[in-house]
PDB file of N, CA and C in Angstrom:
ATOM      1  N   MET A   1      37.005 120.791 158.490  1.00  0.00           N
ATOM      2  CA  MET A   1      36.123 119.811 159.254  1.00  0.00           C
ATOM      3  C   MET A   1      35.451 120.400 160.483  1.00  0.00           C
ATOM      4  N   ILE A   2      34.095 120.306 160.418  1.00  0.00           N
ATOM      5  CA  ILE A   2      33.446 120.888 161.740  1.00  0.00           C
ATOM      6  C   ILE A   2      33.281 119.859 162.770  1.00  0.00           C
ATOM      7  N   GLY A   3      33.678 120.177 163.912  1.00  0.00           N
ATOM      8  CA  GLY A   3      33.747 119.329 164.978  1.00  0.00           C
ATOM      9  C   GLY A   3      32.573 119.589 166.050  1.00  0.00           C
ATOM     10  N   GLY A   4      31.584 120.393 165.722  1.00  0.00           N
ATOM     11  CA  GLY A   4      30.525 120.821 166.559  1.00  0.00           C
ATOM     12  C   GLY A   4      29.971 122.252 166.261  1.00  0.00           C
ATOM     13  N   PRO A   5      29.033 122.774 166.850  1.00  0.00           N
ATOM     14  CA  PRO A   5      28.471 124.067 166.390  1.00  0.00           C
ATOM     15  C   PRO A   5      29.455 125.196 166.687  1.00  0.00           C
ATOM     16  N   THR A   6      30.432 124.929 167.698  1.00  0.00           N
ATOM     17  CA  THR A   6      31.378 126.110 167.954  1.00  0.00           C
ATOM     18  C   THR A   6      32.720 125.799 167.698  1.00  0.00           C
ATOM     19  N   ARG A   7      33.109 124.634 167.048  1.00  0.00           N
ATOM     20  CA  ARG A   7      34.395 124.250 166.831  1.00  0.00           C
ATOM     21  C   ARG A   7      34.480 123.850 165.161  1.00  0.00           C
ATOM     22  N   ILE A   8      35.436 124.749 164.616  1.00  0.00           N
ATOM     23  CA  ILE A   8      35.933 124.342 163.370  1.00  0.00           C
ATOM     24  C   ILE A   8      37.353 124.039 163.332  1.00  0.00           C
ATOM     25  N   ASP A   9      37.650 123.053 162.662  1.00  0.00           N
ATOM     26  CA  ASP A   9      39.141 122.547 162.556  1.00  0.00           C
ATOM     27  C   ASP A   9      39.775 122.913 161.060  1.00  0.00           C
ATOM     28  N   GLY A  10      41.097 122.690 160.975  1.00  0.00           N
ATOM     29  CA  GLY A  10      41.604 123.001 159.786  1.00  0.00           C
ATOM     30  C   GLY A  10      41.026 122.355 158.639  1.00  0.00           C
ATOM     31  N   VAL A  11      41.230 122.875 157.332  1.00  0.00           N
ATOM     32  CA  VAL A  11      40.789 122.235 156.090  1.00  0.00           C
ATOM     33  C   VAL A  11      41.693 121.022 155.754  1.00  0.00           C
ATOM     34  N   SER A  12      40.869 119.900 155.514  1.00  0.00           N
ATOM     35  CA  SER A  12      41.632 118.589 155.108  1.00  0.00           C
ATOM     36  C   SER A  12      42.020 118.778 153.621  1.00  0.00           C
ATOM     37  N   PRO A  13      43.163 118.258 153.175  1.00  0.00           N
ATOM     38  CA  PRO A  13      43.511 118.291 151.881  1.00  0.00           C
ATOM     39  C   PRO A  13      42.400 117.399 151.049  1.00  0.00           C
ATOM     40  N   ASN A  14      42.190 117.826 149.847  1.00  0.00           N
ATOM     41  CA  ASN A  14      41.347 117.044 148.869  1.00  0.00           C
ATOM     42  C   ASN A  14      42.205 116.019 148.257  1.00  0.00           C
ATOM     43  N   PRO A  15      42.030 114.676 148.492  1.00  0.00           N
ATOM     44  CA  PRO A  15      42.688 113.793 147.985  1.00  0.00           C
ATOM     45  C   PRO A  15      42.713 113.746 146.349  1.00  0.00           C
ATOM     46  N   GLN A  16      41.621 114.340 145.708  1.00  0.00           N
ATOM     47  CA  GLN A  16      41.549 114.459 144.248  1.00  0.00           C
ATOM     48  C   GLN A  16      42.618 115.316 143.763  1.00  0.00           C
ATOM     49  N   LEU A  17      42.879 116.340 144.474  1.00  0.00           N
ATOM     50  CA  LEU A  17      43.895 117.604 143.956  1.00  0.00           C
ATOM     51  C   LEU A  17      45.345 117.082 144.326  1.00  0.00           C
ATOM     52  N   SER A  18      45.626 116.044 144.996  1.00  0.00           N
ATOM     53  CA  SER A  18      46.994 115.732 145.255  1.00  0.00           C
ATOM     54  C   SER A  18      47.572 114.934 144.292  1.00  0.00           C
ATOM     55  N   PRO A  19      48.493 115.518 143.573  1.00  0.00           N
ATOM     56  CA  PRO A  19      49.016 114.777 142.296  1.00  0.00           C
ATOM     57  C   PRO A  19      49.605 113.524 142.581  1.00  0.00           C
ATOM     58  N   GLU A  20      50.411 113.306 143.732  1.00  0.00           N
ATOM     59  CA  GLU A  20      51.145 112.147 144.153  1.00  0.00           C
ATOM     60  C   GLU A  20      50.218 110.891 144.191  1.00  0.00           C
ATOM     61  N   LYS A  21      48.987 111.146 144.686  1.00  0.00           N
ATOM     62  CA  LYS A  21      48.093 110.086 144.840  1.00  0.00           C
ATOM     63  C   LYS A  21      47.344 109.653 143.749  1.00  0.00           C
ATOM     64  N   SER A  22      47.155 110.504 142.641  1.00  0.00           N
ATOM     65  CA  SER A  22      46.344 110.237 141.612  1.00  0.00           C
ATOM     66  C   SER A  22      46.939 109.014 140.768  1.00  0.00           C
ATOM     67  N   HIS A  23      46.348 107.890 140.816  1.00  0.00           N
ATOM     68  CA  HIS A  23      46.509 106.696 140.142  1.00  0.00           C
ATOM     69  C   HIS A  23      47.909 106.112 140.361  1.00  0.00           C
ATOM     70  N   GLY A  24      48.475 106.509 141.560  1.00  0.00           N
ATOM     71  CA  GLY A  24      49.747 105.788 141.890  1.00  0.00           C
ATOM     72  C   GLY A  24      50.835 106.292 141.028  1.00  0.00           C
ATOM     73  N   LYS A  25      50.700 107.315 140.319  1.00  0.00           N
ATOM     74  CA  LYS A  25      51.847 107.820 139.481  1.00  0.00           C
ATOM     75  C   LYS A  25      52.477 109.109 140.160  1.00  0.00           C
ATOM     76  N   SER A  26      53.655 109.311 139.937  1.00  0.00           N
ATOM     77  CA  SER A  26      54.339 110.562 140.251  1.00  0.00           C
ATOM     78  C   SER A  26      54.153 111.509 139.101  1.00  0.00           C
ATOM     79  N   PRO A  27      54.010 112.707 139.391  1.00  0.00           N
ATOM     80  CA  PRO A  27      53.673 113.786 138.491  1.00  0.00           C
ATOM     81  C   PRO A  27      54.711 113.752 137.422  1.00  0.00           C
ATOM     82  N   GLU A  28      54.219 113.994 136.097  1.00  0.00           N
ATOM     83  CA  GLU A  28      55.166 114.066 135.051  1.00  0.00           C
ATOM     84  C   GLU A  28      55.929 115.457 135.005  1.00  0.00           C
ATOM     85  N   LYS A  29      57.077 115.449 134.821  1.00  0.00           N
ATOM     86  CA  LYS A  29      58.016 116.778 134.715  1.00  0.00           C
ATOM     87  C   LYS A  29      57.892 117.249 133.336  1.00  0.00           C
ATOM     88  N   LYS A  30      57.555 118.500 133.378  1.00  0.00           N
ATOM     89  CA  LYS A  30      57.371 119.183 132.010  1.00  0.00           C
ATOM     90  C   LYS A  30      58.735 119.639 131.480  1.00  0.00           C
ATOM     91  N   GLU A  31      58.900 119.420 130.302  1.00  0.00           N
ATOM     92  CA  GLU A  31      60.242 119.860 129.693  1.00  0.00           C
ATOM     93  C   GLU A  31      60.282 121.332 129.715  1.00  0.00           C
ATOM     94  N   GLU A  32      61.552 122.003 130.149  1.00  0.00           N
ATOM     95  CA  GLU A  32      61.716 123.342 130.136  1.00  0.00           C
ATOM     96  C   GLU A  32      62.282 123.643 128.763  1.00  0.00           C
ATOM     97  N   VAL A  33      61.640 124.607 128.194  1.00  0.00           N
ATOM     98  CA  VAL A  33      62.248 125.097 127.004  1.00  0.00           C
ATOM     99  C   VAL A  33      63.060 126.444 127.170  1.00  0.00           C
ATOM    100  N   LEU A  34      64.323 126.444 127.033  1.00  0.00           N
ATOM    101  CA  LEU A  34      65.013 127.546 127.259  1.00  0.00           C
ATOM    102  C   LEU A  34      65.138 128.600 125.873  1.00  0.00           C
ATOM    103  N   THR A  35      64.714 129.715 126.189  1.00  0.00           N
ATOM    104  CA  THR A  35      64.637 130.546 125.041  1.00  0.00           C
ATOM    105  C   THR A  35      65.767 131.717 125.417  1.00  0.00           C
ATOM    106  N   LYS A  36      66.252 132.263 124.222  1.00  0.00           N
ATOM    107  CA  LYS A  36      67.386 133.428 124.361  1.00  0.00           C
ATOM    108  C   LYS A  36      66.482 134.798 124.196  1.00  0.00           C
ATOM    109  N   ASP A  37      66.715 135.648 125.162  1.00  0.00           N
ATOM    110  CA  ASP A  37      66.223 137.035 124.698  1.00  0.00           C
ATOM    111  C   ASP A  37      66.976 137.734 123.636  1.00  0.00           C
ATOM    112  N   GLN A  38      66.305 138.371 122.632  1.00  0.00           N
ATOM    113  CA  GLN A  38      66.967 139.014 121.563  1.00  0.00           C
ATOM    114  C   GLN A  38      66.476 140.307 121.295  1.00  0.00           C
ATOM    115  N   VAL A  39      67.469 141.196 121.158  1.00  0.00           N
ATOM    116  CA  VAL A  39      67.113 142.520 120.790  1.00  0.00           C
ATOM    117  C   VAL A  39      67.482 142.933 119.583  1.00  0.00           C
ATOM    118  N   THR A  40      66.862 143.470 118.600  1.00  0.00           N
ATOM    119  CA  THR A  40      67.315 144.129 117.323  1.00  0.00           C
ATOM    120  C   THR A  40      67.183 145.704 117.338  1.00  0.00           C
ATOM    121  N   VAL A  41      68.343 146.255 117.247  1.00  0.00           N
ATOM    122  CA  VAL A  41      68.388 147.695 117.259  1.00  0.00           C
ATOM    123  C   VAL A  41      68.440 148.227 115.797  1.00  0.00           C
ATOM    124  N   SER A  42      67.677 149.186 115.386  1.00  0.00           N
ATOM    125  CA  SER A  42      67.567 149.692 114.014  1.00  0.00           C
ATOM    126  C   SER A  42      68.903 150.625 113.743  1.00  0.00           C
ATOM    127  N   GLU A  43      69.109 150.706 112.558  1.00  0.00           N
ATOM    128  CA  GLU A  43      70.177 151.436 112.193  1.00  0.00           C
ATOM    129  C   GLU A  43      69.961 152.933 112.592  1.00  0.00           C
ATOM    130  N   THR A  44      68.795 153.411 112.527  1.00  0.00           N
ATOM    131  CA  THR A  44      68.558 154.810 113.030  1.00  0.00           C
ATOM    132  C   THR A  44      68.773 155.003 114.487  1.00  0.00           C
ATOM    133  N   ALA A  45      68.459 153.957 115.318  1.00  0.00           N
ATOM    134  CA  ALA A  45      68.748 153.983 116.740  1.00  0.00           C
ATOM    135  C   ALA A  45      70.248 153.902 116.884  1.00  0.00           C
ATOM    136  N   LYS A  46      71.024 153.290 116.291  1.00  0.00           N
ATOM    137  CA  LYS A  46      72.455 153.157 116.421  1.00  0.00           C
ATOM    138  C   LYS A  46      72.954 154.415 115.973  1.00  0.00           C
ATOM    139  N   GLU A  47      72.618 155.110 114.961  1.00  0.00           N
ATOM    140  CA  GLU A  47      73.049 156.442 114.626  1.00  0.00           C
ATOM    141  C   GLU A  47      72.796 157.429 115.530  1.00  0.00           C
ATOM    142  N   ILE A  48      71.631 157.380 116.219  1.00  0.00           N
ATOM    143  CA  ILE A  48      71.301 158.434 117.169  1.00  0.00           C
ATOM    144  C   ILE A  48      72.151 158.162 118.546  1.00  0.00           C
ATOM    145  N   SER A  49      72.397 156.925 118.880  1.00  0.00           N
ATOM    146  CA  SER A  49      73.356 156.602 119.915  1.00  0.00           C
ATOM    147  C   SER A  49      74.591 157.165 119.721  1.00  0.00           C
ATOM    148  N   ARG A  50      75.233 156.939 118.547  1.00  0.00           N
ATOM    149  CA  ARG A  50      76.633 157.519 118.125  1.00  0.00           C
ATOM    150  C   ARG A  50      76.604 158.858 118.227  1.00  0.00           C
ATOM    151  N   LEU A  51      75.478 159.583 117.583  1.00  0.00           N
ATOM    152  CA  LEU A  51      75.650 161.034 117.720  1.00  0.00           C
ATOM    153  C   LEU A  51      75.467 161.579 119.086  1.00  0.00           C
ATOM    154  N   THR A  52      74.675 161.023 119.865  1.00  0.00           N
ATOM    155  CA  THR A  52      74.424 161.401 121.211  1.00  0.00           C
ATOM    156  C   THR A  52      75.726 161.354 122.075  1.00  0.00           C
ATOM    157  N   LEU A  53      76.525 160.168 121.838  1.00  0.00           N
ATOM    158  CA  LEU A  53      77.890 160.098 122.444  1.00  0.00           C
ATOM    159  C   LEU A  53      78.685 161.170 122.098  1.00  0.00           C
ATOM    160  N   GLU A  54      78.666 161.440 120.596  1.00  0.00           N
ATOM    161  CA  GLU A  54      79.703 162.334 120.051  1.00  0.00           C
ATOM    162  C   GLU A  54      79.433 163.684 120.462  1.00  0.00           C
ATOM    163  N   VAL A  55      78.087 164.191 120.661  1.00  0.00           N
ATOM    164  CA  VAL A  55      77.711 165.500 121.110  1.00  0.00           C
ATOM    165  C   VAL A  55      78.122 165.522 122.740  1.00  0.00           C
ATOM    166  N   SER A  56      77.933 164.507 123.332  1.00  0.00           N
ATOM    167  CA  SER A  56      78.254 164.671 124.870  1.00  0.00           C
ATOM    168  C   SER A  56      79.778 164.843 125.052  1.00  0.00           C
ATOM    169  N   ASN A  57      80.557 164.528 124.123  1.00  0.00           N
ATOM    170  CA  ASN A  57      82.026 164.750 124.163  1.00  0.00           C
ATOM    171  C   ASN A  57      82.527 166.180 123.861  1.00  0.00           C
ATOM    172  N   ILE A  58      81.453 166.861 123.248  1.00  0.00           N
ATOM    173  CA  ILE A  58      81.844 168.336 122.900  1.00  0.00           C
ATOM    174  C   ILE A  58      81.766 169.298 124.194  1.00  0.00           C
ATOM    175  N   PRO A  59      82.791 169.954 124.468  1.00  0.00           N
ATOM    176  CA  PRO A  59      82.670 170.779 125.562  1.00  0.00           C
ATOM    177  C   PRO A  59      81.599 171.948 125.559  1.00  0.00           C
ATOM    178  N   ASP A  60      81.013 172.272 126.571  1.00  0.00           N
ATOM    179  CA  ASP A  60      79.980 173.373 126.585  1.00  0.00           C
ATOM    180  C   ASP A  60      80.570 174.716 126.413  1.00  0.00           C
ATOM    181  N   ILE A  61      81.805 174.788 126.932  1.00  0.00           N
ATOM    182  CA  ILE A  61      82.522 176.035 126.686  1.00  0.00           C
ATOM    183  C   ILE A  61      83.565 175.895 125.653  1.00  0.00           C
ATOM    184  N   ARG A  62      83.592 176.887 124.726  1.00  0.00           N
ATOM    185  CA  ARG A  62      84.680 176.768 123.645  1.00  0.00           C
ATOM    186  C   ARG A  62      85.922 177.513 124.379  1.00  0.00           C
ATOM    187  N   ALA A  63      86.927 176.723 124.768  1.00  0.00           N
ATOM    188  CA  ALA A  63      88.026 177.336 125.492  1.00  0.00           C
ATOM    189  C   ALA A  63      88.806 178.219 124.553  1.00  0.00           C
ATOM    190  N   ASP A  64      88.935 177.714 123.208  1.00  0.00           N
ATOM    191  CA  ASP A  64      89.626 178.537 122.335  1.00  0.00           C
ATOM    192  C   ASP A  64      88.980 179.976 122.169  1.00  0.00           C
ATOM    193  N   LYS A  65      87.766 179.996 122.111  1.00  0.00           N
ATOM    194  CA  LYS A  65      87.046 181.341 122.055  1.00  0.00           C
ATOM    195  C   LYS A  65      87.264 182.227 123.333  1.00  0.00           C
ATOM    196  N   VAL A  66      87.076 181.537 124.311  1.00  0.00           N
ATOM    197  CA  VAL A  66      87.389 182.252 125.805  1.00  0.00           C
ATOM    198  C   VAL A  66      88.715 182.885 125.882  1.00  0.00           C
ATOM    199  N   GLU A  67      89.733 182.073 125.276  1.00  0.00           N
ATOM    200  CA  GLU A  67      91.121 182.498 125.542  1.00  0.00           C
ATOM    201  C   GLU A  67      91.301 183.636 124.465  1.00  0.00           C
ATOM    202  N   GLU A  68      90.710 183.513 123.323  1.00  0.00           N
ATOM    203  CA  GLU A  68      90.858 184.682 122.267  1.00  0.00           C
ATOM    204  C   GLU A  68      90.326 186.030 122.831  1.00  0.00           C
ATOM    205  N   LEU A  69      89.139 185.981 123.339  1.00  0.00           N
ATOM    206  CA  LEU A  69      88.491 187.240 123.937  1.00  0.00           C
ATOM    207  C   LEU A  69      89.301 187.631 125.231  1.00  0.00           C
ATOM    208  N   LYS A  70      89.811 186.688 126.002  1.00  0.00           N
ATOM    209  CA  LYS A  70      90.326 187.078 127.129  1.00  0.00           C
ATOM    210  C   LYS A  70      91.686 187.915 126.755  1.00  0.00           C
ATOM    211  N   ASN A  71      92.342 187.385 125.711  1.00  0.00           N
ATOM    212  CA  ASN A  71      93.514 188.108 125.189  1.00  0.00           C
ATOM    213  C   ASN A  71      93.210 189.447 124.640  1.00  0.00           C
ATOM    214  N   ALA A  72      92.158 189.527 123.940  1.00  0.00           N
ATOM    215  CA  ALA A  72      91.763 190.812 123.388  1.00  0.00           C
ATOM    216  C   ALA A  72      91.383 191.889 124.355  1.00  0.00           C
ATOM    217  N   ILE A  73      90.678 191.342 125.453  1.00  0.00           N
ATOM    218  CA  ILE A  73      90.243 192.343 126.513  1.00  0.00           C
ATOM    219  C   ILE A  73      91.567 192.672 127.253  1.00  0.00           C
ATOM    220  N   ASN A  74      92.474 191.712 127.545  1.00  0.00           N
ATOM    221  CA  ASN A  74      93.557 192.294 128.181  1.00  0.00           C
ATOM    222  C   ASN A  74      94.591 193.155 127.422  1.00  0.00           C
ATOM    223  N   SER A  75      94.597 192.932 126.188  1.00  0.00           N
ATOM    224  CA  SER A  75      95.520 193.857 125.244  1.00  0.00           C
ATOM    225  C   SER A  75      94.852 195.102 124.901  1.00  0.00           C
ATOM    226  N   GLY A  76      93.579 195.272 125.167  1.00  0.00           N
ATOM    227  CA  GLY A  76      92.811 196.516 124.911  1.00  0.00           C
ATOM    228  C   GLY A  76      92.268 196.547 123.490  1.00  0.00           C
ATOM    229  N   THR A  77      92.456 195.451 122.668  1.00  0.00           N
ATOM    230  CA  THR A  77      92.109 195.362 121.336  1.00  0.00           C
ATOM    231  C   THR A  77      90.565 194.987 121.052  1.00  0.00           C
ATOM    232  N   TYR A  78      89.900 194.628 122.198  1.00  0.00           N
ATOM    233  CA  TYR A  78      88.650 194.072 122.072  1.00  0.00           C
ATOM    234  C   TYR A  78      87.666 195.252 121.912  1.00  0.00           C
ATOM    235  N   GLU A  79      86.800 195.206 120.778  1.00  0.00           N
ATOM    236  CA  GLU A  79      86.029 196.348 120.399  1.00  0.00           C
ATOM    237  C   GLU A  79      84.534 195.895 120.624  1.00  0.00           C
ATOM    238  N   VAL A  80      83.726 196.718 121.337  1.00  0.00           N
ATOM    239  CA  VAL A  80      82.251 196.480 121.424  1.00  0.00           C
ATOM    240  C   VAL A  80      81.477 197.111 120.513  1.00  0.00           C
ATOM    241  N   ARG A  81      80.819 196.689 119.721  1.00  0.00           N
ATOM    242  CA  ARG A  81      79.872 197.347 118.751  1.00  0.00           C
ATOM    243  C   ARG A  81      78.462 197.333 119.451  1.00  0.00           C
ATOM    244  N   GLY A  82      77.892 198.529 119.784  1.00  0.00           N
ATOM    245  CA  GLY A  82      76.608 198.504 120.394  1.00  0.00           C
ATOM    246  C   GLY A  82      75.436 198.110 119.414  1.00  0.00           C
ATOM    247  N   SER A  83      75.625 198.419 118.092  1.00  0.00           N
ATOM    248  CA  SER A  83      74.524 198.122 117.250  1.00  0.00           C
ATOM    249  C   SER A  83      74.573 196.599 117.083  1.00  0.00           C
ATOM    250  N   GLU A  84      75.632 195.910 116.956  1.00  0.00           N
ATOM    251  CA  GLU A  84      75.705 194.519 116.901  1.00  0.00           C
ATOM    252  C   GLU A  84      74.986 193.627 118.132  1.00  0.00           C
ATOM    253  N   ILE A  85      75.464 194.269 119.254  1.00  0.00           N
ATOM    254  CA  ILE A  85      74.842 193.814 120.488  1.00  0.00           C
ATOM    255  C   ILE A  85      73.338 193.902 120.552  1.00  0.00           C
ATOM    256  N   ALA A  86      72.925 195.123 120.253  1.00  0.00           N
ATOM    257  CA  ALA A  86      71.549 195.407 120.119  1.00  0.00           C
ATOM    258  C   ALA A  86      70.695 194.492 119.321  1.00  0.00           C
ATOM    259  N   GLY A  87      71.249 194.217 118.097  1.00  0.00           N
ATOM    260  CA  GLY A  87      70.640 193.418 116.910  1.00  0.00           C
ATOM    261  C   GLY A  87      70.499 191.944 117.499  1.00  0.00           C
ATOM    262  N   LYS A  88      71.632 191.516 118.158  1.00  0.00           N
ATOM    263  CA  LYS A  88      71.385 190.184 118.702  1.00  0.00           C
ATOM    264  C   LYS A  88      70.436 189.934 119.847  1.00  0.00           C
ATOM    265  N   ILE A  89      70.309 190.865 120.686  1.00  0.00           N
ATOM    266  CA  ILE A  89      69.489 190.979 121.713  1.00  0.00           C
ATOM    267  C   ILE A  89      68.045 191.058 121.230  1.00  0.00           C
ATOM    268  N   ILE A  90      67.838 191.983 120.201  1.00  0.00           N
ATOM    269  CA  ILE A  90      66.310 191.857 119.597  1.00  0.00           C
ATOM    270  C   ILE A  90      66.216 190.484 118.791  1.00  0.00           C
ATOM    271  N   LYS A  91      67.052 189.841 118.013  1.00  0.00           N
ATOM    272  CA  LYS A  91      66.894 188.736 117.541  1.00  0.00           C
ATOM    273  C   LYS A  91      66.676 187.530 118.411  1.00  0.00           C
ATOM    274  N   GLU A  92      67.348 187.427 119.691  1.00  0.00           N
ATOM    275  CA  GLU A  92      66.994 186.438 120.694  1.00  0.00           C
ATOM    276  C   GLU A  92      65.696 186.623 121.272  1.00  0.00           C
ATOM    277  N   ALA A  93      65.391 188.014 121.479  1.00  0.00           N
ATOM    278  CA  ALA A  93      63.847 188.202 121.983  1.00  0.00           C
ATOM    279  C   ALA A  93      62.864 187.662 121.030  1.00  0.00           C
ATOM    280  N   LEU A  94      63.087 187.993 119.751  1.00  0.00           N
ATOM    281  CA  LEU A  94      61.917 187.449 118.861  1.00  0.00           C
ATOM    282  C   LEU A  94      61.946 185.933 118.823  1.00  0.00           C
ATOM    283  N   ILE A  95      62.929 185.257 118.826  1.00  0.00           N
ATOM    284  CA  ILE A  95      62.994 183.881 118.841  1.00  0.00           C
ATOM    285  C   ILE A  95      62.391 183.499 120.118  1.00  0.00           C
ATOM    286  N   ASP A  96      62.712 183.934 121.154  1.00  0.00           N
ATOM    287  CA  ASP A  96      62.018 183.533 122.359  1.00  0.00           C
ATOM    288  C   ASP A  96      60.496 183.623 122.425  1.00  0.00           C
ATOM    289  N   LYS A  97      60.134 184.821 121.732  1.00  0.00           N
ATOM    290  CA  LYS A  97      58.749 185.185 121.673  1.00  0.00           C
ATOM    291  C   LYS A  97      57.915 184.167 120.683  1.00  0.00           C
ATOM    292  N   LEU A  98      58.609 183.760 119.557  1.00  0.00           N
ATOM    293  CA  LEU A  98      58.060 182.801 118.581  1.00  0.00           C
ATOM    294  C   LEU A  98      58.022 181.428 119.123  1.00  0.00           C
ATOM    295  N   ALA A  99      58.783 181.080 119.904  1.00  0.00           N
ATOM    296  CA  ALA A  99      58.947 179.759 120.508  1.00  0.00           C
ATOM    297  C   ALA A  99      57.921 179.462 121.527  1.00  0.00           C
TER     298      ALA A  99
END
């Protein structure tokens, strides 16, 4: 509402937009429809989840191998074959280069 050239008052509510006053009726309440969320997991996803859990339970370090090597070193029976080590180094380098 404008009260003069320098005065502007707040906006008056539009009676047509007020639901309480439309035809003397109270607004109708809409029925709420309750739905359930549902997720379907494929067999492949279940298998991947199971395998992921199984792999996460495998230790990063094979304690049995470490113990075996430790005992061999301590007893002096551990043999290092230079050709075998060189072959593995070359193999790893080639794999890294191709990847």
